[in-house]
Amino acid sequence: MVWWVVDAAREAGADRIFVVVGHGEDDVRAALSGADADIEYVVQEEQLGTGHATSCVEPVLGDFKGDVLVLAGDGPLIRASTIRAMRERHASEGASGTLATSVIEDPAGYGRVIRDASGRFAGIVEHANATPAQRAIKEVYPSYACFVAGALFAALRRVKPDHVSGEYYVTEVPMLMQEAGLKVELIEAVPPEDVLSINTPEQLDQVDAILRARMETARR
């Protein structure tokens, strides 16, 4: 799974690639072995959520001033073209954070994107914490984000653990940025058919078939 995400980041022009590993890290390293010369592995000793995983990269980046892509390793259908569209919006709007979203028919299990009356970003609500009305929202956040590094890590230091899971969610970052007066952009750029992470053997089979079809099309 993670190989496809890494490959999309490369194709989109990422200068440095960090893979955060924890439980099962040997399997991840083995899967990328031989094609990881440009990868920097960062170990997350405790698995305390996506926000905690992202914060583990801060000491390695040091005083880096540019933009950071934050992508999930279990979403192999990601496309470089989607990342580019997100980065272009991020740059053109001078945003501190930009999220790529998708509208899908069955949003169960995904974080819902909340917009205000003018259609601007207002928040992300995890499925487990969403009200019935929020669960009816079909616009989801499939873990594609671009952040200004300094603003990202400043916000991460203010993230509090979720009251349900006890984990630190990176999805809290955009709201904290907005509360600090920073600009957060949304771009509906993820094709619905790309929003499929792998949590079951059935989903693995689905994604495998899609990726094989893409590879076959690319050969023609």
N, C-alpha and C. Protein backbone atom coordinates (compact mmCIF):
# COMPACT_ATOMS: atom_id res chain seq x y z
N MET A 1 0.83 -1.22 0.00
CA MET A 1 0.00 0.00 0.00
C MET A 1 0.85 1.26 0.00
N VAL A 2 1.81 1.29 0.93
CA VAL A 2 2.56 2.53 1.12
C VAL A 2 3.43 2.84 -0.10
N TRP A 3 3.83 1.82 -0.85
CA TRP A 3 4.67 2.06 -2.03
C TRP A 3 3.97 3.00 -3.00
N TRP A 4 2.65 2.78 -3.21
CA TRP A 4 1.89 3.62 -4.15
C TRP A 4 1.82 5.06 -3.66
N VAL A 5 1.68 5.25 -2.36
CA VAL A 5 1.62 6.61 -1.80
C VAL A 5 2.97 7.30 -1.98
N VAL A 6 4.03 6.59 -1.69
CA VAL A 6 5.37 7.14 -1.87
C VAL A 6 5.61 7.50 -3.33
N ASP A 7 5.21 6.62 -4.23
CA ASP A 7 5.42 6.86 -5.65
C ASP A 7 4.66 8.09 -6.13
N ALA A 8 3.43 8.27 -5.64
CA ALA A 8 2.64 9.46 -6.02
C ALA A 8 3.31 10.73 -5.51
N ALA A 9 3.85 10.68 -4.28
CA ALA A 9 4.54 11.85 -3.73
C ALA A 9 5.77 12.18 -4.56
N ARG A 10 6.49 11.15 -4.95
CA ARG A 10 7.66 11.38 -5.81
C ARG A 10 7.25 12.04 -7.12
N GLU A 11 6.24 11.47 -7.77
CA GLU A 11 5.80 11.97 -9.07
C GLU A 11 5.30 13.41 -8.97
N ALA A 12 4.72 13.75 -7.81
CA ALA A 12 4.20 15.11 -7.61
C ALA A 12 5.30 16.11 -7.28
N GLY A 13 6.53 15.62 -7.08
CA GLY A 13 7.66 16.53 -6.88
C GLY A 13 8.14 16.71 -5.47
N ALA A 14 7.79 15.80 -4.56
CA ALA A 14 8.26 15.93 -3.17
C ALA A 14 9.78 15.84 -3.13
N ASP A 15 10.42 16.75 -2.41
CA ASP A 15 11.88 16.78 -2.32
C ASP A 15 12.42 15.76 -1.31
N ARG A 16 11.71 15.61 -0.20
CA ARG A 16 12.09 14.64 0.83
C ARG A 16 10.86 13.83 1.18
N ILE A 17 11.06 12.56 1.44
CA ILE A 17 9.93 11.68 1.76
C ILE A 17 10.21 11.00 3.10
N PHE A 18 9.29 11.18 4.01
CA PHE A 18 9.38 10.56 5.33
C PHE A 18 8.29 9.50 5.45
N VAL A 19 8.66 8.31 5.88
CA VAL A 19 7.69 7.26 6.16
C VAL A 19 7.73 7.01 7.66
N VAL A 20 6.61 7.30 8.31
CA VAL A 20 6.52 7.09 9.76
C VAL A 20 6.13 5.64 10.00
N VAL A 21 6.95 4.94 10.77
CA VAL A 21 6.73 3.52 11.03
C VAL A 21 6.61 3.28 12.53
N GLY A 22 5.89 2.22 12.86
CA GLY A 22 5.73 1.84 14.26
C GLY A 22 5.58 0.34 14.33
N HIS A 23 4.41 -0.11 14.77
CA HIS A 23 4.14 -1.54 14.81
C HIS A 23 4.22 -2.11 13.39
N GLY A 24 5.00 -3.18 13.22
CA GLY A 24 5.17 -3.78 11.90
C GLY A 24 6.16 -3.03 11.03
N GLU A 25 7.03 -2.24 11.63
CA GLU A 25 7.94 -1.42 10.81
C GLU A 25 8.87 -2.26 9.95
N ASP A 26 9.24 -3.45 10.41
CA ASP A 26 10.13 -4.30 9.60
C ASP A 26 9.45 -4.69 8.29
N ASP A 27 8.14 -4.93 8.35
CA ASP A 27 7.41 -5.29 7.14
C ASP A 27 7.37 -4.12 6.16
N VAL A 28 7.19 -2.91 6.70
CA VAL A 28 7.15 -1.72 5.84
C VAL A 28 8.52 -1.49 5.19
N ARG A 29 9.57 -1.58 5.99
CA ARG A 29 10.91 -1.40 5.44
C ARG A 29 11.22 -2.45 4.37
N ALA A 30 10.80 -3.69 4.63
CA ALA A 30 11.04 -4.77 3.66
C ALA A 30 10.30 -4.52 2.36
N ALA A 31 9.06 -4.01 2.47
CA ALA A 31 8.25 -3.76 1.28
C ALA A 31 8.88 -2.67 0.40
N LEU A 32 9.55 -1.72 1.03
CA LEU A 32 10.15 -0.60 0.29
C LEU A 32 11.62 -0.82 -0.02
N SER A 33 12.18 -1.90 0.49
CA SER A 33 13.60 -2.18 0.30
C SER A 33 13.95 -2.24 -1.18
N GLY A 34 15.06 -1.60 -1.51
CA GLY A 34 15.51 -1.58 -2.90
C GLY A 34 14.99 -0.39 -3.67
N ALA A 35 13.97 0.29 -3.11
CA ALA A 35 13.42 1.48 -3.76
C ALA A 35 13.22 2.59 -2.73
N ASP A 36 14.11 2.61 -1.73
CA ASP A 36 13.93 3.56 -0.64
C ASP A 36 15.14 4.45 -0.40
N ALA A 37 15.95 4.64 -1.44
CA ALA A 37 17.15 5.47 -1.28
C ALA A 37 16.81 6.90 -0.89
N ASP A 38 15.63 7.37 -1.31
CA ASP A 38 15.22 8.74 -1.01
C ASP A 38 14.25 8.82 0.17
N ILE A 39 14.06 7.71 0.88
CA ILE A 39 13.10 7.68 2.00
C ILE A 39 13.83 7.82 3.33
N GLU A 40 13.30 8.65 4.20
CA GLU A 40 13.79 8.77 5.57
C GLU A 40 12.73 8.17 6.49
N TYR A 41 13.11 7.13 7.22
CA TYR A 41 12.18 6.47 8.12
C TYR A 41 12.18 7.18 9.48
N VAL A 42 10.99 7.39 10.00
CA VAL A 42 10.83 8.01 11.32
C VAL A 42 10.03 7.05 12.18
N VAL A 43 10.55 6.71 13.35
CA VAL A 43 9.89 5.73 14.20
C VAL A 43 8.94 6.41 15.18
N GLN A 44 7.71 5.96 15.18
CA GLN A 44 6.70 6.39 16.15
C GLN A 44 6.64 5.31 17.23
N GLU A 45 7.28 5.56 18.35
CA GLU A 45 7.43 4.53 19.38
C GLU A 45 6.08 4.08 19.93
N GLU A 46 5.19 5.05 20.17
CA GLU A 46 3.84 4.74 20.62
C GLU A 46 2.87 5.16 19.54
N GLN A 47 1.87 4.32 19.28
CA GLN A 47 0.90 4.66 18.24
C GLN A 47 -0.24 5.45 18.87
N LEU A 48 -0.08 6.77 18.85
CA LEU A 48 -1.03 7.66 19.53
C LEU A 48 -1.83 8.51 18.55
N GLY A 49 -1.98 8.03 17.32
CA GLY A 49 -2.81 8.74 16.37
C GLY A 49 -2.04 9.46 15.29
N THR A 50 -2.80 9.96 14.31
CA THR A 50 -2.20 10.59 13.14
C THR A 50 -1.47 11.89 13.47
N GLY A 51 -2.02 12.63 14.43
CA GLY A 51 -1.35 13.87 14.83
C GLY A 51 -0.01 13.59 15.48
N HIS A 52 0.02 12.59 16.33
CA HIS A 52 1.26 12.20 16.99
C HIS A 52 2.27 11.69 15.96
N ALA A 53 1.80 10.89 15.00
CA ALA A 53 2.69 10.38 13.95
C ALA A 53 3.33 11.53 13.17
N THR A 54 2.52 12.52 12.83
CA THR A 54 3.03 13.66 12.08
C THR A 54 4.03 14.46 12.90
N SER A 55 3.76 14.63 14.18
CA SER A 55 4.66 15.40 15.04
C SER A 55 6.02 14.74 15.20
N CYS A 56 6.08 13.42 15.00
CA CYS A 56 7.35 12.71 15.12
C CYS A 56 8.36 13.16 14.06
N VAL A 57 7.88 13.78 12.99
CA VAL A 57 8.77 14.22 11.91
C VAL A 57 9.42 15.56 12.22
N GLU A 58 8.83 16.33 13.13
CA GLU A 58 9.34 17.68 13.40
C GLU A 58 10.82 17.71 13.76
N PRO A 59 11.31 16.85 14.67
CA PRO A 59 12.74 16.92 15.02
C PRO A 59 13.66 16.65 13.83
N VAL A 60 13.21 15.85 12.89
CA VAL A 60 14.03 15.52 11.72
C VAL A 60 14.06 16.68 10.73
N LEU A 61 12.92 17.37 10.60
CA LEU A 61 12.85 18.50 9.66
C LEU A 61 13.59 19.73 10.18
N GLY A 62 13.71 19.83 11.49
CA GLY A 62 14.42 20.97 12.06
C GLY A 62 13.76 22.29 11.73
N ASP A 63 14.52 23.23 11.15
CA ASP A 63 13.99 24.57 10.88
C ASP A 63 13.48 24.73 9.45
N PHE A 64 13.07 23.63 8.84
CA PHE A 64 12.52 23.67 7.48
C PHE A 64 11.38 24.67 7.39
N LYS A 65 11.36 25.50 6.35
CA LYS A 65 10.37 26.58 6.24
C LYS A 65 9.34 26.36 5.14
N GLY A 66 9.45 25.28 4.39
CA GLY A 66 8.56 25.10 3.26
C GLY A 66 7.25 24.41 3.60
N ASP A 67 6.66 23.79 2.58
CA ASP A 67 5.38 23.10 2.74
C ASP A 67 5.60 21.61 2.99
N VAL A 68 4.69 21.03 3.76
CA VAL A 68 4.75 19.62 4.09
C VAL A 68 3.45 18.95 3.64
N LEU A 69 3.59 17.87 2.87
CA LEU A 69 2.44 17.04 2.52
C LEU A 69 2.24 16.02 3.63
N VAL A 70 1.01 15.85 4.07
CA VAL A 70 0.69 14.83 5.06
C VAL A 70 -0.30 13.87 4.40
N LEU A 71 0.15 12.64 4.17
CA LEU A 71 -0.63 11.64 3.44
C LEU A 71 -0.72 10.35 4.24
N ALA A 72 -1.81 9.63 4.09
CA ALA A 72 -2.00 8.37 4.81
C ALA A 72 -1.40 7.22 4.02
N GLY A 73 -0.75 6.31 4.73
CA GLY A 73 -0.10 5.19 4.06
C GLY A 73 -1.04 4.09 3.61
N ASP A 74 -2.32 4.18 4.02
CA ASP A 74 -3.25 3.11 3.65
C ASP A 74 -4.23 3.53 2.55
N GLY A 75 -3.83 4.55 1.78
CA GLY A 75 -4.67 5.01 0.68
C GLY A 75 -3.94 4.91 -0.65
N PRO A 76 -3.70 3.70 -1.16
CA PRO A 76 -2.84 3.53 -2.34
C PRO A 76 -3.42 4.03 -3.65
N LEU A 77 -4.69 4.44 -3.68
CA LEU A 77 -5.27 4.92 -4.94
C LEU A 77 -4.97 6.40 -5.20
N ILE A 78 -4.20 7.00 -4.33
CA ILE A 78 -3.81 8.40 -4.48
C ILE A 78 -3.13 8.63 -5.83
N ARG A 79 -3.39 9.79 -6.44
CA ARG A 79 -2.79 10.14 -7.73
C ARG A 79 -1.92 11.39 -7.57
N ALA A 80 -0.82 11.40 -8.30
CA ALA A 80 0.05 12.57 -8.29
C ALA A 80 -0.69 13.81 -8.77
N SER A 81 -1.61 13.64 -9.72
CA SER A 81 -2.36 14.79 -10.25
C SER A 81 -3.21 15.44 -9.17
N THR A 82 -3.74 14.63 -8.25
CA THR A 82 -4.53 15.19 -7.15
C THR A 82 -3.65 15.99 -6.21
N ILE A 83 -2.47 15.45 -5.92
CA ILE A 83 -1.53 16.17 -5.05
C ILE A 83 -1.14 17.50 -5.69
N ARG A 84 -0.88 17.48 -7.00
CA ARG A 84 -0.50 18.72 -7.68
C ARG A 84 -1.61 19.75 -7.62
N ALA A 85 -2.85 19.32 -7.83
CA ALA A 85 -3.98 20.26 -7.77
C ALA A 85 -4.09 20.88 -6.38
N MET A 86 -3.88 20.09 -5.36
CA MET A 86 -3.94 20.59 -3.99
C MET A 86 -2.81 21.60 -3.74
N ARG A 87 -1.62 21.28 -4.18
CA ARG A 87 -0.49 22.18 -3.97
C ARG A 87 -0.67 23.49 -4.74
N GLU A 88 -1.24 23.41 -5.93
CA GLU A 88 -1.47 24.62 -6.72
C GLU A 88 -2.46 25.54 -6.02
N ARG A 89 -3.55 24.97 -5.49
CA ARG A 89 -4.51 25.79 -4.74
C ARG A 89 -3.84 26.39 -3.50
N HIS A 90 -3.06 25.58 -2.82
CA HIS A 90 -2.36 26.02 -1.62
C HIS A 90 -1.48 27.24 -1.91
N ALA A 91 -0.72 27.16 -2.99
CA ALA A 91 0.19 28.24 -3.35
C ALA A 91 -0.56 29.47 -3.85
N SER A 92 -1.55 29.27 -4.71
CA SER A 92 -2.25 30.40 -5.31
C SER A 92 -3.06 31.19 -4.28
N GLU A 93 -3.53 30.52 -3.23
CA GLU A 93 -4.33 31.19 -2.19
C GLU A 93 -3.49 31.65 -1.00
N GLY A 94 -2.21 31.32 -1.00
CA GLY A 94 -1.36 31.69 0.14
C GLY A 94 -1.86 31.10 1.44
N ALA A 95 -2.30 29.86 1.39
CA ALA A 95 -2.90 29.21 2.56
C ALA A 95 -1.83 28.64 3.49
N SER A 96 -2.20 28.52 4.76
CA SER A 96 -1.34 27.82 5.71
C SER A 96 -1.62 26.33 5.70
N GLY A 97 -2.84 25.99 5.30
CA GLY A 97 -3.22 24.59 5.19
C GLY A 97 -4.23 24.41 4.08
N THR A 98 -4.09 23.35 3.29
CA THR A 98 -5.04 23.06 2.21
C THR A 98 -5.37 21.58 2.25
N LEU A 99 -6.66 21.27 2.19
CA LEU A 99 -7.13 19.90 2.25
C LEU A 99 -7.82 19.54 0.95
N ALA A 100 -7.50 18.37 0.41
CA ALA A 100 -8.21 17.86 -0.75
C ALA A 100 -9.34 16.96 -0.27
N THR A 101 -10.54 17.18 -0.78
CA THR A 101 -11.71 16.44 -0.32
C THR A 101 -12.35 15.67 -1.47
N SER A 102 -13.34 14.85 -1.11
CA SER A 102 -14.08 14.10 -2.11
C SER A 102 -15.52 13.97 -1.66
N VAL A 103 -16.42 13.89 -2.61
CA VAL A 103 -17.83 13.64 -2.31
C VAL A 103 -18.14 12.21 -2.76
N ILE A 104 -18.54 11.37 -1.80
CA ILE A 104 -18.79 9.96 -2.10
C ILE A 104 -20.17 9.56 -1.62
N GLU A 105 -20.71 8.55 -2.24
CA GLU A 105 -22.07 8.11 -1.91
C GLU A 105 -22.17 7.47 -0.53
N ASP A 106 -21.16 6.70 -0.15
CA ASP A 106 -21.18 6.05 1.16
C ASP A 106 -20.01 6.55 1.99
N PRO A 107 -20.24 7.59 2.80
CA PRO A 107 -19.14 8.19 3.55
C PRO A 107 -18.87 7.53 4.91
N ALA A 108 -19.53 6.43 5.20
CA ALA A 108 -19.38 5.78 6.50
C ALA A 108 -17.92 5.49 6.81
N GLY A 109 -17.51 5.88 8.01
CA GLY A 109 -16.15 5.62 8.46
C GLY A 109 -15.16 6.73 8.17
N TYR A 110 -15.53 7.69 7.32
CA TYR A 110 -14.61 8.77 6.96
C TYR A 110 -14.91 10.05 7.74
N GLY A 111 -13.90 10.87 7.94
CA GLY A 111 -14.09 12.17 8.56
C GLY A 111 -14.90 13.06 7.64
N ARG A 112 -15.94 13.70 8.18
CA ARG A 112 -16.80 14.58 7.38
C ARG A 112 -16.24 16.00 7.36
N VAL A 113 -16.31 16.63 6.20
CA VAL A 113 -15.86 18.00 6.03
C VAL A 113 -17.04 18.93 6.33
N ILE A 114 -16.84 19.82 7.26
CA ILE A 114 -17.88 20.79 7.64
C ILE A 114 -17.52 22.14 7.01
N ARG A 115 -18.48 22.70 6.28
CA ARG A 115 -18.29 24.02 5.68
C ARG A 115 -19.23 25.02 6.35
N ASP A 116 -18.82 26.30 6.33
CA ASP A 116 -19.69 27.34 6.88
C ASP A 116 -20.70 27.78 5.82
N ALA A 117 -21.48 28.80 6.13
CA ALA A 117 -22.55 29.24 5.23
C ALA A 117 -22.01 29.74 3.89
N SER A 118 -20.76 30.18 3.88
CA SER A 118 -20.17 30.68 2.63
C SER A 118 -19.38 29.60 1.89
N GLY A 119 -19.42 28.39 2.42
CA GLY A 119 -18.72 27.29 1.76
C GLY A 119 -17.27 27.13 2.13
N ARG A 120 -16.83 27.90 3.14
CA ARG A 120 -15.44 27.82 3.58
C ARG A 120 -15.27 26.72 4.61
N PHE A 121 -14.03 26.35 4.85
CA PHE A 121 -13.73 25.31 5.84
C PHE A 121 -14.21 25.72 7.23
N ALA A 122 -14.88 24.79 7.91
CA ALA A 122 -15.31 25.04 9.28
C ALA A 122 -14.88 23.94 10.24
N GLY A 123 -14.45 22.80 9.69
CA GLY A 123 -13.98 21.74 10.57
C GLY A 123 -14.06 20.37 9.92
N ILE A 124 -13.47 19.40 10.60
CA ILE A 124 -13.57 17.99 10.21
C ILE A 124 -14.05 17.23 11.43
N VAL A 125 -15.04 16.41 11.25
CA VAL A 125 -15.56 15.61 12.35
C VAL A 125 -15.35 14.14 12.03
N GLU A 126 -14.67 13.44 12.92
CA GLU A 126 -14.48 12.01 12.73
C GLU A 126 -15.82 11.29 12.79
N HIS A 127 -15.94 10.22 12.04
CA HIS A 127 -17.22 9.49 11.97
C HIS A 127 -17.72 9.11 13.35
N ALA A 128 -16.81 8.65 14.21
CA ALA A 128 -17.21 8.18 15.54
C ALA A 128 -17.80 9.30 16.40
N ASN A 129 -17.41 10.53 16.11
CA ASN A 129 -17.86 11.67 16.92
C ASN A 129 -18.98 12.46 16.26
N ALA A 130 -19.37 12.09 15.04
CA ALA A 130 -20.32 12.89 14.27
C ALA A 130 -21.76 12.69 14.75
N THR A 131 -22.53 13.76 14.66
CA THR A 131 -23.96 13.68 14.95
C THR A 131 -24.66 13.05 13.75
N PRO A 132 -25.92 12.63 13.88
CA PRO A 132 -26.64 12.09 12.73
C PRO A 132 -26.66 13.04 11.54
N ALA A 133 -26.82 14.34 11.82
CA ALA A 133 -26.84 15.31 10.72
C ALA A 133 -25.48 15.39 10.03
N GLN A 134 -24.41 15.33 10.82
CA GLN A 134 -23.07 15.38 10.24
C GLN A 134 -22.74 14.10 9.47
N ARG A 135 -23.26 12.98 9.93
CA ARG A 135 -23.02 11.72 9.22
C ARG A 135 -23.71 11.69 7.87
N ALA A 136 -24.70 12.55 7.70
CA ALA A 136 -25.40 12.62 6.41
C ALA A 136 -24.58 13.38 5.36
N ILE A 137 -23.54 14.09 5.80
CA ILE A 137 -22.68 14.83 4.87
C ILE A 137 -21.88 13.84 4.04
N LYS A 138 -21.80 14.08 2.74
CA LYS A 138 -21.10 13.16 1.85
C LYS A 138 -19.71 13.63 1.43
N GLU A 139 -19.36 14.85 1.83
CA GLU A 139 -18.00 15.32 1.54
C GLU A 139 -17.07 14.84 2.66
N VAL A 140 -16.02 14.13 2.26
CA VAL A 140 -15.13 13.52 3.24
C VAL A 140 -13.70 13.99 3.03
N TYR A 141 -12.91 13.76 4.06
CA TYR A 141 -11.49 14.08 4.02
C TYR A 141 -10.69 12.78 3.95
N PRO A 142 -10.15 12.45 2.77
CA PRO A 142 -9.43 11.18 2.61
C PRO A 142 -7.93 11.26 2.90
N SER A 143 -7.55 12.17 3.79
CA SER A 143 -6.16 12.27 4.27
C SER A 143 -5.18 12.75 3.22
N TYR A 144 -5.55 13.82 2.51
CA TYR A 144 -4.63 14.52 1.61
C TYR A 144 -4.53 15.96 2.13
N ALA A 145 -3.36 16.36 2.59
CA ALA A 145 -3.23 17.72 3.11
C ALA A 145 -1.86 18.29 2.79
N CYS A 146 -1.83 19.62 2.67
CA CYS A 146 -0.59 20.36 2.48
C CYS A 146 -0.57 21.49 3.51
N PHE A 147 0.51 21.58 4.28
CA PHE A 147 0.61 22.59 5.33
C PHE A 147 1.94 23.32 5.26
N VAL A 148 1.94 24.59 5.64
CA VAL A 148 3.18 25.30 5.90
C VAL A 148 3.79 24.69 7.15
N ALA A 149 5.05 24.29 7.06
CA ALA A 149 5.67 23.50 8.13
C ALA A 149 5.55 24.14 9.51
N GLY A 150 5.93 25.41 9.63
CA GLY A 150 5.90 26.05 10.95
C GLY A 150 4.50 26.10 11.54
N ALA A 151 3.52 26.42 10.69
CA ALA A 151 2.14 26.48 11.17
C ALA A 151 1.63 25.09 11.55
N LEU A 152 2.04 24.07 10.80
CA LEU A 152 1.63 22.70 11.10
C LEU A 152 2.10 22.26 12.48
N PHE A 153 3.39 22.42 12.74
CA PHE A 153 3.93 21.90 14.00
C PHE A 153 3.50 22.76 15.20
N ALA A 154 3.29 24.06 14.96
CA ALA A 154 2.76 24.90 16.04
C ALA A 154 1.36 24.43 16.44
N ALA A 155 0.54 24.10 15.43
CA ALA A 155 -0.81 23.62 15.71
C ALA A 155 -0.79 22.25 16.37
N LEU A 156 0.11 21.38 15.92
CA LEU A 156 0.19 20.04 16.49
C LEU A 156 0.51 20.08 17.98
N ARG A 157 1.28 21.06 18.38
CA ARG A 157 1.61 21.16 19.80
C ARG A 157 0.41 21.55 20.64
N ARG A 158 -0.65 22.02 19.99
CA ARG A 158 -1.86 22.42 20.71
C ARG A 158 -2.99 21.40 20.60
N VAL A 159 -2.76 20.33 19.84
CA VAL A 159 -3.80 19.30 19.69
C VAL A 159 -3.97 18.54 21.00
N LYS A 160 -5.20 18.36 21.41
CA LYS A 160 -5.51 17.61 22.62
C LYS A 160 -6.00 16.21 22.24
N PRO A 161 -5.83 15.23 23.11
CA PRO A 161 -6.28 13.87 22.78
C PRO A 161 -7.79 13.80 22.62
N ASP A 162 -8.24 13.00 21.68
CA ASP A 162 -9.67 12.82 21.45
C ASP A 162 -10.33 12.20 22.67
N HIS A 163 -11.52 12.69 22.99
CA HIS A 163 -12.18 12.22 24.21
C HIS A 163 -12.72 10.81 24.09
N VAL A 164 -12.83 10.31 22.86
CA VAL A 164 -13.33 8.94 22.65
C VAL A 164 -12.17 7.95 22.58
N SER A 165 -11.19 8.24 21.72
CA SER A 165 -10.10 7.28 21.47
C SER A 165 -8.84 7.55 22.27
N GLY A 166 -8.69 8.80 22.74
CA GLY A 166 -7.46 9.17 23.43
C GLY A 166 -6.31 9.47 22.47
N GLU A 167 -6.58 9.42 21.15
CA GLU A 167 -5.53 9.67 20.17
C GLU A 167 -5.48 11.15 19.78
N TYR A 168 -4.34 11.53 19.20
CA TYR A 168 -4.15 12.89 18.72
C TYR A 168 -4.37 12.88 17.20
N TYR A 169 -5.36 13.60 16.74
CA TYR A 169 -5.72 13.57 15.32
C TYR A 169 -5.14 14.76 14.57
N VAL A 170 -4.53 14.49 13.42
CA VAL A 170 -4.03 15.57 12.58
C VAL A 170 -5.19 16.38 12.01
N THR A 171 -6.39 15.82 12.00
CA THR A 171 -7.55 16.54 11.49
C THR A 171 -7.93 17.73 12.37
N GLU A 172 -7.36 17.81 13.57
CA GLU A 172 -7.59 18.97 14.43
C GLU A 172 -6.77 20.18 13.97
N VAL A 173 -5.73 19.93 13.22
CA VAL A 173 -4.80 21.00 12.84
C VAL A 173 -5.46 22.13 12.04
N PRO A 174 -6.25 21.83 11.00
CA PRO A 174 -6.84 22.94 10.23
C PRO A 174 -7.71 23.86 11.08
N MET A 175 -8.50 23.31 12.00
CA MET A 175 -9.33 24.15 12.85
C MET A 175 -8.48 25.03 13.76
N LEU A 176 -7.42 24.46 14.32
CA LEU A 176 -6.53 25.24 15.18
C LEU A 176 -5.85 26.36 14.38
N MET A 177 -5.50 26.06 13.13
CA MET A 177 -4.91 27.10 12.28
C MET A 177 -5.91 28.23 12.06
N GLN A 178 -7.14 27.85 11.75
CA GLN A 178 -8.16 28.86 11.49
C GLN A 178 -8.45 29.71 12.72
N GLU A 179 -8.48 29.06 13.88
CA GLU A 179 -8.70 29.80 15.13
C GLU A 179 -7.57 30.79 15.39
N ALA A 180 -6.38 30.48 14.86
CA ALA A 180 -5.22 31.37 15.04
C ALA A 180 -5.17 32.46 13.97
N GLY A 181 -6.21 32.52 13.12
CA GLY A 181 -6.28 33.54 12.09
C GLY A 181 -5.56 33.19 10.80
N LEU A 182 -5.19 31.92 10.65
CA LEU A 182 -4.50 31.50 9.44
C LEU A 182 -5.51 30.98 8.42
N LYS A 183 -5.12 31.01 7.16
CA LYS A 183 -6.03 30.64 6.08
C LYS A 183 -5.98 29.14 5.80
N VAL A 184 -7.17 28.54 5.72
CA VAL A 184 -7.30 27.13 5.39
C VAL A 184 -8.18 27.00 4.15
N GLU A 185 -7.69 26.29 3.16
CA GLU A 185 -8.39 26.12 1.89
C GLU A 185 -8.88 24.68 1.72
N LEU A 186 -9.96 24.54 0.97
CA LEU A 186 -10.48 23.24 0.57
C LEU A 186 -10.48 23.16 -0.95
N ILE A 187 -10.19 21.98 -1.48
CA ILE A 187 -10.33 21.76 -2.91
C ILE A 187 -10.92 20.37 -3.12
N GLU A 188 -12.07 20.31 -3.77
CA GLU A 188 -12.71 19.02 -4.04
C GLU A 188 -12.00 18.42 -5.25
N ALA A 189 -10.91 17.69 -4.96
CA ALA A 189 -10.03 17.25 -6.04
C ALA A 189 -9.81 15.74 -6.09
N VAL A 190 -10.33 15.02 -5.11
CA VAL A 190 -10.09 13.58 -5.07
C VAL A 190 -11.23 12.85 -5.77
N PRO A 191 -10.97 12.15 -6.88
CA PRO A 191 -12.04 11.40 -7.55
C PRO A 191 -12.67 10.41 -6.58
N PRO A 192 -14.00 10.28 -6.58
CA PRO A 192 -14.67 9.38 -5.63
C PRO A 192 -14.13 7.95 -5.68
N GLU A 193 -13.74 7.50 -6.87
CA GLU A 193 -13.26 6.12 -6.99
C GLU A 193 -11.90 5.92 -6.33
N ASP A 194 -11.23 7.02 -5.97
CA ASP A 194 -9.92 6.91 -5.31
C ASP A 194 -10.04 6.83 -3.79
N VAL A 195 -11.25 7.03 -3.27
CA VAL A 195 -11.43 7.07 -1.81
C VAL A 195 -11.76 5.67 -1.32
N LEU A 196 -10.73 4.88 -1.18
CA LEU A 196 -10.90 3.53 -0.66
C LEU A 196 -9.62 3.14 0.06
N SER A 197 -9.65 3.15 1.37
CA SER A 197 -8.52 2.67 2.14
C SER A 197 -8.73 1.19 2.41
N ILE A 198 -7.71 0.54 2.90
CA ILE A 198 -7.76 -0.92 3.05
C ILE A 198 -7.83 -1.32 4.52
N ASN A 199 -8.97 -1.87 4.89
CA ASN A 199 -9.17 -2.34 6.26
C ASN A 199 -9.63 -3.79 6.32
N THR A 200 -10.02 -4.36 5.17
CA THR A 200 -10.52 -5.73 5.12
C THR A 200 -9.92 -6.44 3.91
N PRO A 201 -9.92 -7.79 3.89
CA PRO A 201 -9.43 -8.52 2.71
C PRO A 201 -10.23 -8.18 1.45
N GLU A 202 -11.53 -7.91 1.61
CA GLU A 202 -12.36 -7.55 0.45
C GLU A 202 -11.92 -6.23 -0.15
N GLN A 203 -11.62 -5.25 0.71
CA GLN A 203 -11.15 -3.96 0.21
C GLN A 203 -9.78 -4.10 -0.45
N LEU A 204 -8.95 -4.99 0.10
CA LEU A 204 -7.65 -5.24 -0.51
C LEU A 204 -7.81 -5.78 -1.93
N ASP A 205 -8.76 -6.69 -2.11
CA ASP A 205 -9.02 -7.24 -3.45
C ASP A 205 -9.52 -6.16 -4.40
N GLN A 206 -10.40 -5.28 -3.91
CA GLN A 206 -10.92 -4.20 -4.74
C GLN A 206 -9.80 -3.28 -5.22
N VAL A 207 -8.97 -2.86 -4.26
CA VAL A 207 -7.88 -1.94 -4.59
C VAL A 207 -6.88 -2.60 -5.52
N ASP A 208 -6.59 -3.87 -5.28
CA ASP A 208 -5.66 -4.60 -6.14
C ASP A 208 -6.16 -4.61 -7.59
N ALA A 209 -7.44 -4.85 -7.77
CA ALA A 209 -8.01 -4.88 -9.12
C ALA A 209 -7.92 -3.51 -9.79
N ILE A 210 -8.18 -2.46 -9.04
CA ILE A 210 -8.11 -1.10 -9.59
C ILE A 210 -6.69 -0.76 -10.02
N LEU A 211 -5.72 -1.07 -9.15
CA LEU A 211 -4.34 -0.74 -9.47
C LEU A 211 -3.81 -1.55 -10.64
N ARG A 212 -4.22 -2.81 -10.73
CA ARG A 212 -3.81 -3.62 -11.87
C ARG A 212 -4.37 -3.05 -13.17
N ALA A 213 -5.62 -2.57 -13.11
CA ALA A 213 -6.23 -1.97 -14.29
C ALA A 213 -5.49 -0.70 -14.70
N ARG A 214 -5.08 0.10 -13.71
CA ARG A 214 -4.32 1.32 -14.01
C ARG A 214 -2.99 0.98 -14.68
N MET A 215 -2.31 -0.03 -14.15
CA MET A 215 -1.04 -0.43 -14.70
C MET A 215 -1.19 -0.93 -16.15
N GLU A 216 -2.25 -1.66 -16.38
CA GLU A 216 -2.51 -2.17 -17.74
C GLU A 216 -2.79 -1.03 -18.71
N THR A 217 -3.55 -0.02 -18.25
CA THR A 217 -3.84 1.14 -19.08
C THR A 217 -2.57 1.92 -19.39
N ALA A 218 -1.69 2.04 -18.38
CA ALA A 218 -0.45 2.79 -18.56
C ALA A 218 0.48 2.13 -19.57
N ARG A 219 0.38 0.81 -19.72
CA ARG A 219 1.26 0.10 -20.65
C ARG A 219 0.82 0.28 -22.11
N ARG A 220 -0.44 0.67 -22.31
CA ARG A 220 -0.95 0.77 -23.67
C ARG A 220 -0.48 2.03 -24.38
